[in-house]
Amino acid sequence: VLLRSRANPTQFHLPSGAFPLFAASLGGHHEAVDLLLQYTAHPSQQNQATGATALLAACRGGHCAAAQALLEKGADPRHEALDGAFPLLLAGLSGKGEVCDLLLRHRAEPDQVNLSDCNFPLLVAAARGHAEGADALCR
């Protein structure tokens, strides 16, 4: 109802700096992600406090459908938040091989390193015992 009434989904922010597309992506609500993207939500909008995007949120939760919708609308698979986190690193942390595969198909860089802690996707997936994610990153 709000979107049909021309509410702007990019204007609302929670105290944490999150915005509707970020929250929907973090929760894996891909239908809401699709709807927000239809109504001018921008896939590259950043959390004001952290610099994180909705794609980072979807990858952190291992939500492939939400991540795919965002990537199809132009989300940057290499974007780094202020803490150095990036989508493939968070997908490795989540252990979801399908999310890692999706990001790699969209030109995520498997050798990208988080400079704040020197972590990279394969290392974090293996260290957490996520065989599915590690396997996807080794292909």
N, C-alpha and C. Protein backbone atom coordinates (compact mmCIF):
# COMPACT_ATOMS: atom_id res chain seq x y z
N VAL A 1 0.83 -1.19 0.00
CA VAL A 1 0.00 0.00 0.00
C VAL A 1 0.88 1.26 0.00
N LEU A 2 1.88 1.27 0.86
CA LEU A 2 2.75 2.45 0.92
C LEU A 2 3.48 2.68 -0.39
N LEU A 3 3.97 1.60 -0.99
CA LEU A 3 4.70 1.75 -2.25
C LEU A 3 3.78 2.23 -3.37
N ARG A 4 2.56 1.69 -3.40
CA ARG A 4 1.61 2.14 -4.41
C ARG A 4 1.20 3.59 -4.19
N SER A 5 1.33 4.06 -2.98
CA SER A 5 1.01 5.46 -2.66
C SER A 5 2.22 6.37 -2.87
N ARG A 6 3.23 5.82 -3.53
CA ARG A 6 4.45 6.54 -3.91
C ARG A 6 5.38 6.86 -2.74
N ALA A 7 5.32 6.04 -1.70
CA ALA A 7 6.31 6.18 -0.63
C ALA A 7 7.67 5.83 -1.21
N ASN A 8 8.68 6.56 -0.85
CA ASN A 8 10.02 6.34 -1.38
C ASN A 8 10.77 5.35 -0.49
N PRO A 9 11.07 4.13 -1.00
CA PRO A 9 11.74 3.13 -0.17
C PRO A 9 13.19 3.45 0.15
N THR A 10 13.74 4.47 -0.47
CA THR A 10 15.14 4.82 -0.17
C THR A 10 15.25 5.88 0.91
N GLN A 11 14.14 6.47 1.32
CA GLN A 11 14.19 7.57 2.28
C GLN A 11 14.11 7.15 3.74
N PHE A 12 13.55 6.00 4.00
CA PHE A 12 13.35 5.55 5.37
C PHE A 12 14.60 4.84 5.87
N HIS A 13 15.06 5.22 7.07
CA HIS A 13 16.22 4.56 7.68
C HIS A 13 15.92 4.27 9.14
N LEU A 14 16.33 3.09 9.58
CA LEU A 14 16.24 2.74 10.99
C LEU A 14 17.39 3.42 11.74
N PRO A 15 17.34 3.51 13.06
CA PRO A 15 18.44 4.11 13.81
C PRO A 15 19.80 3.45 13.53
N SER A 16 19.78 2.18 13.16
CA SER A 16 21.03 1.47 12.84
C SER A 16 21.61 1.88 11.50
N GLY A 17 20.86 2.67 10.73
CA GLY A 17 21.30 3.06 9.39
C GLY A 17 20.73 2.15 8.31
N ALA A 18 20.04 1.10 8.72
CA ALA A 18 19.45 0.17 7.75
C ALA A 18 18.27 0.83 7.04
N PHE A 19 17.91 0.28 5.91
CA PHE A 19 16.82 0.77 5.09
C PHE A 19 16.00 -0.44 4.64
N PRO A 20 14.81 -0.23 4.08
CA PRO A 20 13.93 -1.36 3.79
C PRO A 20 14.55 -2.47 2.94
N LEU A 21 15.26 -2.12 1.87
CA LEU A 21 15.85 -3.15 1.02
C LEU A 21 16.91 -3.95 1.78
N PHE A 22 17.67 -3.28 2.62
CA PHE A 22 18.68 -3.95 3.45
C PHE A 22 18.01 -4.93 4.40
N ALA A 23 16.97 -4.48 5.09
CA ALA A 23 16.27 -5.33 6.06
C ALA A 23 15.63 -6.54 5.38
N ALA A 24 15.00 -6.32 4.23
CA ALA A 24 14.38 -7.43 3.50
C ALA A 24 15.43 -8.44 3.05
N SER A 25 16.57 -7.95 2.60
CA SER A 25 17.65 -8.82 2.13
C SER A 25 18.26 -9.61 3.28
N LEU A 26 18.48 -8.96 4.40
CA LEU A 26 19.05 -9.62 5.57
C LEU A 26 18.15 -10.75 6.06
N GLY A 27 16.85 -10.53 5.97
CA GLY A 27 15.90 -11.55 6.41
C GLY A 27 15.60 -12.61 5.36
N GLY A 28 16.14 -12.44 4.15
CA GLY A 28 15.90 -13.41 3.09
C GLY A 28 14.51 -13.34 2.50
N HIS A 29 13.87 -12.20 2.61
CA HIS A 29 12.51 -12.02 2.11
C HIS A 29 12.57 -11.59 0.64
N HIS A 30 12.83 -12.57 -0.25
CA HIS A 30 13.09 -12.21 -1.64
C HIS A 30 11.88 -11.61 -2.34
N GLU A 31 10.67 -11.95 -1.91
CA GLU A 31 9.49 -11.32 -2.51
C GLU A 31 9.47 -9.82 -2.19
N ALA A 32 9.83 -9.48 -0.97
CA ALA A 32 9.90 -8.07 -0.58
C ALA A 32 11.03 -7.37 -1.32
N VAL A 33 12.16 -8.06 -1.49
CA VAL A 33 13.29 -7.50 -2.24
C VAL A 33 12.83 -7.18 -3.66
N ASP A 34 12.18 -8.15 -4.31
CA ASP A 34 11.69 -7.94 -5.68
C ASP A 34 10.74 -6.75 -5.74
N LEU A 35 9.83 -6.67 -4.80
CA LEU A 35 8.85 -5.58 -4.78
C LEU A 35 9.53 -4.22 -4.59
N LEU A 36 10.45 -4.15 -3.65
CA LEU A 36 11.16 -2.88 -3.41
C LEU A 36 11.97 -2.46 -4.63
N LEU A 37 12.59 -3.42 -5.31
CA LEU A 37 13.36 -3.09 -6.51
C LEU A 37 12.45 -2.61 -7.64
N GLN A 38 11.22 -3.11 -7.68
CA GLN A 38 10.25 -2.62 -8.67
C GLN A 38 9.89 -1.16 -8.41
N TYR A 39 9.90 -0.77 -7.14
CA TYR A 39 9.48 0.57 -6.74
C TYR A 39 10.67 1.47 -6.40
N THR A 40 11.64 1.49 -7.25
CA THR A 40 12.77 2.43 -7.23
C THR A 40 13.78 2.25 -6.10
N ALA A 41 13.70 1.20 -5.32
CA ALA A 41 14.79 0.97 -4.36
C ALA A 41 16.05 0.72 -5.17
N HIS A 42 17.16 1.29 -4.76
CA HIS A 42 18.41 1.17 -5.51
C HIS A 42 19.26 0.05 -4.94
N PRO A 43 19.70 -0.91 -5.77
CA PRO A 43 20.46 -2.05 -5.26
C PRO A 43 21.82 -1.69 -4.68
N SER A 44 22.31 -0.50 -4.97
CA SER A 44 23.62 -0.10 -4.44
C SER A 44 23.53 0.85 -3.26
N GLN A 45 22.31 1.11 -2.77
CA GLN A 45 22.17 1.99 -1.60
C GLN A 45 22.94 1.40 -0.43
N GLN A 46 23.59 2.27 0.33
CA GLN A 46 24.43 1.82 1.45
C GLN A 46 23.82 2.18 2.79
N ASN A 47 24.04 1.31 3.76
CA ASN A 47 23.69 1.59 5.15
C ASN A 47 24.51 2.80 5.57
N GLN A 48 23.85 3.81 6.10
CA GLN A 48 24.53 5.06 6.44
C GLN A 48 25.60 4.88 7.51
N ALA A 49 25.42 3.93 8.39
CA ALA A 49 26.37 3.75 9.49
C ALA A 49 27.55 2.86 9.13
N THR A 50 27.32 1.87 8.22
CA THR A 50 28.35 0.86 7.98
C THR A 50 28.87 0.79 6.56
N GLY A 51 28.16 1.42 5.64
CA GLY A 51 28.53 1.31 4.23
C GLY A 51 28.11 -0.01 3.60
N ALA A 52 27.40 -0.84 4.34
CA ALA A 52 26.95 -2.13 3.82
C ALA A 52 25.77 -1.93 2.87
N THR A 53 25.69 -2.79 1.87
CA THR A 53 24.59 -2.77 0.92
C THR A 53 23.64 -3.93 1.20
N ALA A 54 22.52 -3.92 0.50
CA ALA A 54 21.55 -5.02 0.62
C ALA A 54 22.17 -6.34 0.17
N LEU A 55 23.06 -6.30 -0.83
CA LEU A 55 23.71 -7.53 -1.27
C LEU A 55 24.58 -8.11 -0.16
N LEU A 56 25.29 -7.27 0.55
CA LEU A 56 26.07 -7.76 1.69
C LEU A 56 25.17 -8.42 2.72
N ALA A 57 24.01 -7.82 2.96
CA ALA A 57 23.07 -8.38 3.93
C ALA A 57 22.56 -9.74 3.47
N ALA A 58 22.19 -9.85 2.20
CA ALA A 58 21.69 -11.12 1.67
C ALA A 58 22.77 -12.20 1.74
N CYS A 59 24.00 -11.84 1.42
CA CYS A 59 25.10 -12.81 1.45
C CYS A 59 25.42 -13.24 2.88
N ARG A 60 25.36 -12.31 3.80
CA ARG A 60 25.61 -12.64 5.21
C ARG A 60 24.62 -13.69 5.71
N GLY A 61 23.39 -13.58 5.26
CA GLY A 61 22.37 -14.55 5.66
C GLY A 61 22.32 -15.78 4.77
N GLY A 62 23.11 -15.80 3.71
CA GLY A 62 23.09 -16.94 2.80
C GLY A 62 21.82 -17.03 1.97
N HIS A 63 21.23 -15.90 1.64
CA HIS A 63 19.94 -15.85 0.95
C HIS A 63 20.14 -15.67 -0.56
N CYS A 64 20.16 -16.79 -1.27
CA CYS A 64 20.50 -16.79 -2.69
C CYS A 64 19.47 -16.05 -3.55
N ALA A 65 18.19 -16.25 -3.31
CA ALA A 65 17.17 -15.60 -4.14
C ALA A 65 17.23 -14.08 -4.01
N ALA A 66 17.42 -13.60 -2.80
CA ALA A 66 17.54 -12.15 -2.59
C ALA A 66 18.80 -11.62 -3.27
N ALA A 67 19.91 -12.34 -3.12
CA ALA A 67 21.17 -11.93 -3.74
C ALA A 67 21.03 -11.90 -5.26
N GLN A 68 20.38 -12.89 -5.82
CA GLN A 68 20.21 -12.94 -7.27
C GLN A 68 19.39 -11.75 -7.77
N ALA A 69 18.31 -11.44 -7.09
CA ALA A 69 17.48 -10.30 -7.49
C ALA A 69 18.30 -9.01 -7.48
N LEU A 70 19.11 -8.83 -6.46
CA LEU A 70 19.94 -7.63 -6.34
C LEU A 70 21.00 -7.57 -7.44
N LEU A 71 21.64 -8.69 -7.71
CA LEU A 71 22.67 -8.73 -8.75
C LEU A 71 22.06 -8.46 -10.12
N GLU A 72 20.88 -9.00 -10.37
CA GLU A 72 20.22 -8.77 -11.65
C GLU A 72 19.85 -7.30 -11.85
N LYS A 73 19.70 -6.57 -10.77
CA LYS A 73 19.39 -5.13 -10.86
C LYS A 73 20.64 -4.26 -10.77
N GLY A 74 21.83 -4.89 -10.77
CA GLY A 74 23.06 -4.12 -10.85
C GLY A 74 23.84 -3.95 -9.57
N ALA A 75 23.52 -4.70 -8.52
CA ALA A 75 24.31 -4.60 -7.28
C ALA A 75 25.76 -5.00 -7.57
N ASP A 76 26.69 -4.34 -6.93
CA ASP A 76 28.12 -4.56 -7.15
C ASP A 76 28.60 -5.76 -6.32
N PRO A 77 29.02 -6.85 -6.96
CA PRO A 77 29.48 -8.03 -6.21
C PRO A 77 30.83 -7.85 -5.54
N ARG A 78 31.48 -6.71 -5.76
CA ARG A 78 32.79 -6.46 -5.15
C ARG A 78 32.77 -5.32 -4.13
N HIS A 79 31.60 -4.76 -3.86
CA HIS A 79 31.51 -3.62 -2.94
C HIS A 79 32.04 -3.98 -1.55
N GLU A 80 32.81 -3.08 -0.97
CA GLU A 80 33.32 -3.27 0.39
C GLU A 80 32.64 -2.29 1.34
N ALA A 81 32.18 -2.81 2.47
CA ALA A 81 31.63 -1.96 3.53
C ALA A 81 32.78 -1.28 4.25
N LEU A 82 32.47 -0.40 5.17
CA LEU A 82 33.51 0.33 5.90
C LEU A 82 34.43 -0.59 6.69
N ASP A 83 33.93 -1.74 7.12
CA ASP A 83 34.76 -2.69 7.88
C ASP A 83 35.54 -3.63 6.97
N GLY A 84 35.44 -3.43 5.65
CA GLY A 84 36.17 -4.25 4.69
C GLY A 84 35.43 -5.49 4.23
N ALA A 85 34.26 -5.75 4.78
CA ALA A 85 33.48 -6.92 4.37
C ALA A 85 32.99 -6.73 2.93
N PHE A 86 32.91 -7.83 2.20
CA PHE A 86 32.40 -7.80 0.83
C PHE A 86 31.55 -9.06 0.60
N PRO A 87 30.71 -9.06 -0.43
CA PRO A 87 29.74 -10.15 -0.59
C PRO A 87 30.31 -11.56 -0.56
N LEU A 88 31.38 -11.83 -1.29
CA LEU A 88 31.90 -13.19 -1.35
C LEU A 88 32.48 -13.63 0.00
N LEU A 89 33.06 -12.72 0.74
CA LEU A 89 33.56 -13.04 2.07
C LEU A 89 32.40 -13.45 2.98
N LEU A 90 31.31 -12.70 2.94
CA LEU A 90 30.16 -13.01 3.78
C LEU A 90 29.46 -14.28 3.33
N ALA A 91 29.45 -14.53 2.02
CA ALA A 91 28.89 -15.80 1.53
C ALA A 91 29.73 -16.97 2.02
N GLY A 92 31.05 -16.80 2.04
CA GLY A 92 31.93 -17.83 2.58
C GLY A 92 31.67 -18.07 4.05
N LEU A 93 31.44 -16.98 4.79
CA LEU A 93 31.11 -17.11 6.22
C LEU A 93 29.79 -17.84 6.43
N SER A 94 28.84 -17.60 5.54
CA SER A 94 27.52 -18.25 5.69
C SER A 94 27.59 -19.72 5.31
N GLY A 95 28.61 -20.09 4.51
CA GLY A 95 28.77 -21.49 4.11
C GLY A 95 27.86 -21.92 2.99
N LYS A 96 27.19 -20.99 2.35
CA LYS A 96 26.24 -21.32 1.29
C LYS A 96 26.95 -21.34 -0.07
N GLY A 97 27.24 -22.53 -0.55
CA GLY A 97 27.93 -22.68 -1.83
C GLY A 97 27.17 -22.08 -2.98
N GLU A 98 25.83 -22.16 -2.95
CA GLU A 98 25.05 -21.61 -4.05
C GLU A 98 25.18 -20.09 -4.13
N VAL A 99 25.34 -19.44 -2.99
CA VAL A 99 25.53 -17.98 -2.99
C VAL A 99 26.93 -17.66 -3.52
N CYS A 100 27.93 -18.44 -3.12
CA CYS A 100 29.29 -18.25 -3.64
C CYS A 100 29.30 -18.42 -5.16
N ASP A 101 28.66 -19.50 -5.65
CA ASP A 101 28.60 -19.74 -7.10
C ASP A 101 27.93 -18.57 -7.82
N LEU A 102 26.83 -18.09 -7.27
CA LEU A 102 26.10 -16.97 -7.86
C LEU A 102 27.00 -15.74 -7.97
N LEU A 103 27.69 -15.41 -6.90
CA LEU A 103 28.57 -14.24 -6.91
C LEU A 103 29.71 -14.40 -7.90
N LEU A 104 30.28 -15.59 -7.98
CA LEU A 104 31.37 -15.83 -8.93
C LEU A 104 30.88 -15.70 -10.37
N ARG A 105 29.66 -16.15 -10.63
CA ARG A 105 29.08 -15.99 -11.98
C ARG A 105 28.86 -14.51 -12.32
N HIS A 106 28.72 -13.69 -11.29
CA HIS A 106 28.53 -12.25 -11.50
C HIS A 106 29.84 -11.47 -11.31
N ARG A 107 30.93 -12.16 -11.48
CA ARG A 107 32.28 -11.57 -11.49
C ARG A 107 32.79 -11.08 -10.15
N ALA A 108 32.36 -11.72 -9.08
CA ALA A 108 33.00 -11.45 -7.79
C ALA A 108 34.43 -11.96 -7.89
N GLU A 109 35.31 -11.35 -7.16
CA GLU A 109 36.74 -11.69 -7.21
C GLU A 109 37.07 -12.68 -6.09
N PRO A 110 37.38 -13.94 -6.42
CA PRO A 110 37.65 -14.93 -5.37
C PRO A 110 38.89 -14.63 -4.54
N ASP A 111 39.79 -13.81 -5.06
CA ASP A 111 41.01 -13.49 -4.32
C ASP A 111 40.93 -12.15 -3.59
N GLN A 112 39.75 -11.53 -3.57
CA GLN A 112 39.58 -10.26 -2.86
C GLN A 112 39.85 -10.50 -1.37
N VAL A 113 40.55 -9.57 -0.75
CA VAL A 113 40.96 -9.71 0.65
C VAL A 113 40.37 -8.57 1.48
N ASN A 114 39.89 -8.91 2.66
CA ASN A 114 39.46 -7.90 3.63
C ASN A 114 40.72 -7.35 4.27
N LEU A 115 41.09 -6.14 3.93
CA LEU A 115 42.36 -5.58 4.39
C LEU A 115 42.37 -5.27 5.88
N SER A 116 41.20 -5.17 6.50
CA SER A 116 41.19 -4.87 7.94
C SER A 116 41.59 -6.08 8.78
N ASP A 117 41.37 -7.29 8.26
CA ASP A 117 41.76 -8.48 9.04
C ASP A 117 42.46 -9.55 8.21
N CYS A 118 42.78 -9.23 6.96
CA CYS A 118 43.51 -10.12 6.04
C CYS A 118 42.77 -11.42 5.75
N ASN A 119 41.46 -11.44 5.89
CA ASN A 119 40.68 -12.63 5.55
C ASN A 119 40.28 -12.61 4.09
N PHE A 120 40.14 -13.80 3.52
CA PHE A 120 39.61 -13.93 2.17
C PHE A 120 38.60 -15.07 2.17
N PRO A 121 37.72 -15.12 1.15
CA PRO A 121 36.58 -16.03 1.19
C PRO A 121 36.90 -17.49 1.47
N LEU A 122 37.86 -18.07 0.77
CA LEU A 122 38.17 -19.49 0.97
C LEU A 122 38.65 -19.75 2.39
N LEU A 123 39.46 -18.86 2.92
CA LEU A 123 39.98 -19.03 4.28
C LEU A 123 38.86 -19.05 5.30
N VAL A 124 37.93 -18.11 5.20
CA VAL A 124 36.87 -18.07 6.21
C VAL A 124 35.91 -19.24 6.07
N ALA A 125 35.63 -19.66 4.84
CA ALA A 125 34.74 -20.82 4.66
C ALA A 125 35.39 -22.07 5.24
N ALA A 126 36.67 -22.27 4.95
CA ALA A 126 37.36 -23.46 5.46
C ALA A 126 37.52 -23.41 6.97
N ALA A 127 37.85 -22.24 7.51
CA ALA A 127 38.06 -22.11 8.95
C ALA A 127 36.78 -22.40 9.73
N ARG A 128 35.65 -22.13 9.14
CA ARG A 128 34.36 -22.39 9.81
C ARG A 128 33.83 -23.78 9.51
N GLY A 129 34.57 -24.55 8.72
CA GLY A 129 34.13 -25.90 8.40
C GLY A 129 32.99 -25.96 7.39
N HIS A 130 32.86 -24.93 6.57
CA HIS A 130 31.79 -24.88 5.57
C HIS A 130 32.28 -25.50 4.27
N ALA A 131 32.17 -26.82 4.18
CA ALA A 131 32.69 -27.54 3.01
C ALA A 131 32.01 -27.10 1.72
N GLU A 132 30.70 -26.86 1.76
CA GLU A 132 29.97 -26.46 0.56
C GLU A 132 30.49 -25.12 0.03
N GLY A 133 30.66 -24.16 0.92
CA GLY A 133 31.18 -22.86 0.51
C GLY A 133 32.62 -22.94 0.04
N ALA A 134 33.45 -23.69 0.77
CA ALA A 134 34.86 -23.84 0.39
C ALA A 134 34.98 -24.52 -0.96
N ASP A 135 34.16 -25.55 -1.19
CA ASP A 135 34.19 -26.26 -2.47
C ASP A 135 33.84 -25.32 -3.62
N ALA A 136 32.82 -24.50 -3.44
CA ALA A 136 32.42 -23.56 -4.48
C ALA A 136 33.55 -22.57 -4.78
N LEU A 137 34.27 -22.17 -3.76
CA LEU A 137 35.35 -21.20 -3.94
C LEU A 137 36.61 -21.81 -4.54
N CYS A 138 36.71 -23.13 -4.53
CA CYS A 138 37.88 -23.81 -5.10
C CYS A 138 37.70 -24.12 -6.58
N ARG A 139 36.50 -23.99 -7.09
CA ARG A 139 36.25 -24.34 -8.50
C ARG A 139 36.84 -23.32 -9.43
